[in-house]
């Protein structure tokens, strides 16, 4: 198991909390808690060792296509593909925007 912490600039604020996915499904779970800071802090626990560059690339890509919200993102990954990871992350951001 590997633990990764990333911090990226946030360009919007939201309020509330959201959850997408279930780690027990062999997939991944993403929890988001909004705050009023200017950063998005991402805490990742993954079963895939040496995957920091993969996660950094995913969040760099997300920054270019959408505005990331301020808050804390907690990811429990059980080897999900980058496509599934992106879907789960976008799901929590969409869900909390309706909270």
N, C-alpha and C. Protein backbone atom coordinates (compact mmCIF):
# COMPACT_ATOMS: atom_id res chain seq x y z
N UNK A 1 0.85 -1.18 0.00
CA UNK A 1 0.00 0.00 0.00
C UNK A 1 0.89 1.24 0.00
N UNK A 2 0.45 2.22 -0.74
CA UNK A 2 1.19 3.47 -0.82
C UNK A 2 0.25 4.62 -0.44
N UNK A 3 0.80 5.60 0.25
CA UNK A 3 0.04 6.80 0.61
C UNK A 3 0.67 7.99 -0.10
N UNK A 4 -0.17 8.75 -0.80
CA UNK A 4 0.30 9.89 -1.58
C UNK A 4 -0.52 11.11 -1.15
N UNK A 5 0.13 12.24 -0.97
CA UNK A 5 -0.56 13.49 -0.70
C UNK A 5 -0.15 14.51 -1.76
N UNK A 6 -1.14 15.07 -2.42
CA UNK A 6 -0.91 16.11 -3.43
C UNK A 6 -1.68 17.36 -3.04
N UNK A 7 -1.18 18.50 -3.42
CA UNK A 7 -1.88 19.77 -3.23
C UNK A 7 -1.85 20.52 -4.54
N UNK A 8 -3.04 20.92 -5.01
CA UNK A 8 -3.14 21.66 -6.26
C UNK A 8 -3.97 22.92 -6.03
N UNK A 9 -3.74 23.96 -6.82
CA UNK A 9 -4.52 25.18 -6.68
C UNK A 9 -6.00 24.93 -7.02
N UNK A 10 -6.87 25.54 -6.25
CA UNK A 10 -8.31 25.45 -6.52
C UNK A 10 -8.77 26.75 -7.17
N UNK A 11 -9.74 26.64 -8.06
CA UNK A 11 -10.21 27.83 -8.75
C UNK A 11 -11.70 28.10 -8.51
N UNK A 12 -12.32 27.31 -7.61
CA UNK A 12 -13.71 27.59 -7.26
C UNK A 12 -14.00 27.05 -5.87
N UNK A 13 -15.05 27.56 -5.26
CA UNK A 13 -15.45 27.07 -3.94
C UNK A 13 -16.84 26.48 -4.03
N UNK A 14 -17.04 25.45 -3.25
CA UNK A 14 -18.32 24.77 -3.13
C UNK A 14 -18.59 24.58 -1.65
N UNK A 15 -19.71 23.98 -1.32
CA UNK A 15 -19.96 23.63 0.07
C UNK A 15 -20.54 22.23 0.12
N UNK A 16 -20.31 21.56 1.21
CA UNK A 16 -20.86 20.23 1.39
C UNK A 16 -19.85 19.12 1.26
N UNK A 17 -20.41 17.89 1.24
CA UNK A 17 -19.61 16.67 1.16
C UNK A 17 -20.23 15.75 0.12
N UNK A 18 -19.41 14.85 -0.43
CA UNK A 18 -19.91 13.88 -1.40
C UNK A 18 -19.06 12.62 -1.38
N UNK A 19 -19.66 11.52 -1.79
CA UNK A 19 -18.99 10.22 -1.85
C UNK A 19 -19.35 9.55 -3.17
N UNK A 20 -18.38 8.95 -3.82
CA UNK A 20 -18.62 8.17 -5.04
C UNK A 20 -17.80 6.89 -4.98
N UNK A 21 -18.41 5.80 -5.39
CA UNK A 21 -17.71 4.52 -5.45
C UNK A 21 -17.65 3.82 -4.11
N UNK A 22 -17.21 2.57 -4.17
CA UNK A 22 -17.04 1.75 -2.98
C UNK A 22 -15.76 0.96 -3.15
N UNK A 23 -14.81 1.16 -2.24
CA UNK A 23 -13.52 0.50 -2.39
C UNK A 23 -13.64 -1.02 -2.32
N UNK A 24 -14.61 -1.52 -1.59
CA UNK A 24 -14.79 -2.96 -1.47
C UNK A 24 -15.23 -3.62 -2.76
N UNK A 25 -15.61 -2.82 -3.75
CA UNK A 25 -16.05 -3.37 -5.03
C UNK A 25 -14.88 -3.75 -5.92
N UNK A 26 -13.65 -3.53 -5.44
CA UNK A 26 -12.48 -3.79 -6.27
C UNK A 26 -12.18 -2.60 -7.17
N UNK A 27 -12.73 -1.49 -6.85
CA UNK A 27 -12.67 -0.29 -7.68
C UNK A 27 -11.98 0.80 -6.87
N UNK A 28 -12.69 1.85 -6.57
CA UNK A 28 -12.15 2.91 -5.73
C UNK A 28 -13.27 3.71 -5.12
N UNK A 29 -12.92 4.41 -4.05
CA UNK A 29 -13.86 5.25 -3.32
C UNK A 29 -13.26 6.64 -3.25
N UNK A 30 -14.09 7.65 -3.50
CA UNK A 30 -13.63 9.03 -3.46
C UNK A 30 -14.57 9.81 -2.55
N UNK A 31 -14.00 10.49 -1.56
CA UNK A 31 -14.77 11.34 -0.66
C UNK A 31 -14.27 12.76 -0.82
N UNK A 32 -15.18 13.72 -0.88
CA UNK A 32 -14.79 15.12 -1.01
C UNK A 32 -15.50 15.93 0.05
N UNK A 33 -14.74 16.79 0.72
CA UNK A 33 -15.28 17.75 1.68
C UNK A 33 -14.81 19.12 1.25
N UNK A 34 -15.77 19.98 0.94
CA UNK A 34 -15.45 21.33 0.48
C UNK A 34 -15.01 22.20 1.65
N UNK A 35 -14.17 23.18 1.35
CA UNK A 35 -13.81 24.21 2.33
C UNK A 35 -13.56 25.51 1.59
N UNK A 36 -13.19 26.52 2.32
CA UNK A 36 -13.03 27.86 1.73
C UNK A 36 -11.57 28.23 1.48
N UNK A 37 -10.69 27.26 1.43
CA UNK A 37 -9.27 27.54 1.17
C UNK A 37 -9.07 27.84 -0.31
N UNK A 38 -7.84 27.93 -0.71
CA UNK A 38 -7.52 28.17 -2.12
C UNK A 38 -6.81 26.99 -2.75
N UNK A 39 -6.89 25.83 -2.06
CA UNK A 39 -6.22 24.64 -2.57
C UNK A 39 -7.14 23.42 -2.46
N UNK A 40 -6.81 22.43 -3.25
CA UNK A 40 -7.42 21.11 -3.15
C UNK A 40 -6.33 20.18 -2.65
N UNK A 41 -6.54 19.62 -1.47
CA UNK A 41 -5.60 18.66 -0.90
C UNK A 41 -6.13 17.26 -1.19
N UNK A 42 -5.28 16.43 -1.75
CA UNK A 42 -5.67 15.10 -2.17
C UNK A 42 -4.86 14.08 -1.38
N UNK A 43 -5.55 13.23 -0.63
CA UNK A 43 -4.92 12.14 0.11
C UNK A 43 -5.32 10.83 -0.56
N UNK A 44 -4.34 10.11 -1.05
CA UNK A 44 -4.59 8.88 -1.80
C UNK A 44 -3.95 7.70 -1.07
N UNK A 45 -4.74 6.68 -0.84
CA UNK A 45 -4.21 5.40 -0.38
C UNK A 45 -4.48 4.42 -1.50
N UNK A 46 -3.41 3.83 -2.03
CA UNK A 46 -3.55 2.97 -3.21
C UNK A 46 -2.82 1.65 -3.03
N UNK A 47 -3.36 0.64 -3.67
CA UNK A 47 -2.70 -0.67 -3.66
C UNK A 47 -1.62 -0.76 -4.73
N UNK A 48 -1.50 0.29 -5.56
CA UNK A 48 -0.53 0.30 -6.65
C UNK A 48 0.70 1.11 -6.23
N UNK A 49 1.79 0.44 -5.98
CA UNK A 49 3.01 1.13 -5.58
C UNK A 49 3.61 1.91 -6.73
N UNK A 50 4.36 2.96 -6.39
CA UNK A 50 5.06 3.81 -7.36
C UNK A 50 4.11 4.45 -8.38
N UNK A 51 2.96 4.92 -7.90
CA UNK A 51 1.97 5.49 -8.82
C UNK A 51 1.82 7.01 -8.68
N UNK A 52 2.74 7.65 -7.99
CA UNK A 52 2.64 9.10 -7.78
C UNK A 52 2.57 9.85 -9.11
N UNK A 53 3.41 9.50 -10.05
CA UNK A 53 3.42 10.22 -11.33
C UNK A 53 2.10 10.04 -12.08
N UNK A 54 1.47 8.89 -11.96
CA UNK A 54 0.17 8.65 -12.60
C UNK A 54 -0.89 9.56 -12.01
N UNK A 55 -0.90 9.70 -10.67
CA UNK A 55 -1.87 10.56 -10.01
C UNK A 55 -1.61 12.04 -10.31
N UNK A 56 -0.34 12.42 -10.34
CA UNK A 56 -0.01 13.82 -10.70
C UNK A 56 -0.48 14.14 -12.11
N UNK A 57 -0.26 13.22 -13.03
CA UNK A 57 -0.70 13.43 -14.42
C UNK A 57 -2.22 13.54 -14.51
N UNK A 58 -2.93 12.72 -13.75
CA UNK A 58 -4.39 12.78 -13.76
C UNK A 58 -4.89 14.14 -13.28
N UNK A 59 -4.33 14.65 -12.19
CA UNK A 59 -4.79 15.94 -11.67
C UNK A 59 -4.32 17.10 -12.54
N UNK A 60 -3.18 16.98 -13.18
CA UNK A 60 -2.77 18.01 -14.16
C UNK A 60 -3.77 18.06 -15.32
N UNK A 61 -4.20 16.90 -15.78
CA UNK A 61 -5.18 16.83 -16.87
C UNK A 61 -6.52 17.41 -16.41
N UNK A 62 -6.95 17.06 -15.20
CA UNK A 62 -8.22 17.59 -14.69
C UNK A 62 -8.18 19.12 -14.58
N UNK A 63 -7.04 19.67 -14.19
CA UNK A 63 -6.91 21.12 -14.08
C UNK A 63 -7.07 21.81 -15.43
N UNK A 64 -6.66 21.16 -16.49
CA UNK A 64 -6.74 21.79 -17.80
C UNK A 64 -8.14 21.74 -18.40
N UNK A 65 -8.96 20.78 -17.97
CA UNK A 65 -10.30 20.65 -18.56
C UNK A 65 -11.42 21.16 -17.66
N UNK A 66 -11.14 21.40 -16.38
CA UNK A 66 -12.18 21.90 -15.49
C UNK A 66 -11.55 22.66 -14.34
N UNK A 67 -12.38 23.41 -13.65
CA UNK A 67 -11.88 24.15 -12.49
C UNK A 67 -12.05 23.27 -11.25
N UNK A 68 -10.96 23.08 -10.53
CA UNK A 68 -10.99 22.22 -9.36
C UNK A 68 -11.49 23.01 -8.15
N UNK A 69 -12.33 22.39 -7.33
CA UNK A 69 -12.86 23.08 -6.15
C UNK A 69 -11.90 22.98 -4.95
N UNK A 70 -12.05 23.93 -4.05
CA UNK A 70 -11.25 23.93 -2.82
C UNK A 70 -11.81 22.90 -1.85
N UNK A 71 -10.91 22.23 -1.15
CA UNK A 71 -11.35 21.26 -0.15
C UNK A 71 -10.38 20.12 0.00
N UNK A 72 -10.89 19.02 0.54
CA UNK A 72 -10.08 17.83 0.76
C UNK A 72 -10.71 16.66 0.01
N UNK A 73 -9.89 15.99 -0.78
CA UNK A 73 -10.30 14.83 -1.55
C UNK A 73 -9.57 13.62 -0.97
N UNK A 74 -10.32 12.62 -0.54
CA UNK A 74 -9.73 11.40 -0.01
C UNK A 74 -10.06 10.27 -0.97
N UNK A 75 -9.02 9.60 -1.43
CA UNK A 75 -9.20 8.52 -2.41
C UNK A 75 -8.65 7.23 -1.83
N UNK A 76 -9.49 6.18 -1.86
CA UNK A 76 -9.08 4.83 -1.50
C UNK A 76 -9.13 4.02 -2.79
N UNK A 77 -7.97 3.71 -3.32
CA UNK A 77 -7.85 3.09 -4.63
C UNK A 77 -7.44 1.63 -4.50
N UNK A 78 -8.14 0.79 -5.22
CA UNK A 78 -7.79 -0.63 -5.24
C UNK A 78 -7.42 -1.03 -6.66
N UNK A 79 -6.58 -0.17 -7.30
CA UNK A 79 -6.07 -0.48 -8.62
C UNK A 79 -6.99 -0.08 -9.77
N UNK A 80 -7.82 0.93 -9.55
CA UNK A 80 -8.70 1.39 -10.62
C UNK A 80 -7.89 1.99 -11.76
N UNK A 81 -8.41 1.90 -12.95
CA UNK A 81 -7.73 2.49 -14.11
C UNK A 81 -7.85 4.02 -14.03
N UNK A 82 -6.98 4.75 -14.73
CA UNK A 82 -7.09 6.22 -14.72
C UNK A 82 -8.46 6.71 -15.19
N UNK A 83 -9.09 6.01 -16.13
CA UNK A 83 -10.42 6.40 -16.58
C UNK A 83 -11.46 6.30 -15.49
N UNK A 84 -11.44 5.21 -14.74
CA UNK A 84 -12.38 5.04 -13.63
C UNK A 84 -12.08 6.07 -12.54
N UNK A 85 -10.80 6.31 -12.27
CA UNK A 85 -10.44 7.32 -11.26
C UNK A 85 -11.01 8.68 -11.64
N UNK A 86 -10.86 9.06 -12.88
CA UNK A 86 -11.37 10.36 -13.33
C UNK A 86 -12.89 10.42 -13.20
N UNK A 87 -13.58 9.36 -13.56
CA UNK A 87 -15.04 9.34 -13.44
C UNK A 87 -15.46 9.52 -11.99
N UNK A 88 -14.84 8.79 -11.07
CA UNK A 88 -15.20 8.89 -9.65
C UNK A 88 -14.93 10.30 -9.11
N UNK A 89 -13.82 10.88 -9.48
CA UNK A 89 -13.47 12.23 -9.02
C UNK A 89 -14.49 13.24 -9.57
N UNK A 90 -14.80 13.14 -10.83
CA UNK A 90 -15.78 14.06 -11.42
C UNK A 90 -17.16 13.85 -10.81
N UNK A 91 -17.50 12.60 -10.44
CA UNK A 91 -18.79 12.34 -9.81
C UNK A 91 -18.92 13.08 -8.47
N UNK A 92 -17.88 13.04 -7.64
CA UNK A 92 -18.01 13.73 -6.34
C UNK A 92 -18.08 15.23 -6.53
N UNK A 93 -17.34 15.77 -7.48
CA UNK A 93 -17.40 17.21 -7.72
C UNK A 93 -18.79 17.61 -8.22
N UNK A 94 -19.37 16.80 -9.09
CA UNK A 94 -20.71 17.10 -9.58
C UNK A 94 -21.74 16.97 -8.46
N UNK A 95 -21.64 15.92 -7.67
CA UNK A 95 -22.60 15.70 -6.58
C UNK A 95 -22.57 16.83 -5.56
N UNK A 96 -21.38 17.26 -5.17
CA UNK A 96 -21.30 18.32 -4.16
C UNK A 96 -21.74 19.67 -4.72
N UNK A 97 -21.67 19.84 -6.02
CA UNK A 97 -22.12 21.11 -6.59
C UNK A 97 -23.64 21.27 -6.49
N UNK A 98 -24.35 20.16 -6.26
CA UNK A 98 -25.80 20.20 -6.08
C UNK A 98 -26.20 20.18 -4.62
N UNK A 99 -25.24 20.10 -3.72
CA UNK A 99 -25.55 20.01 -2.28
C UNK A 99 -26.04 21.34 -1.73
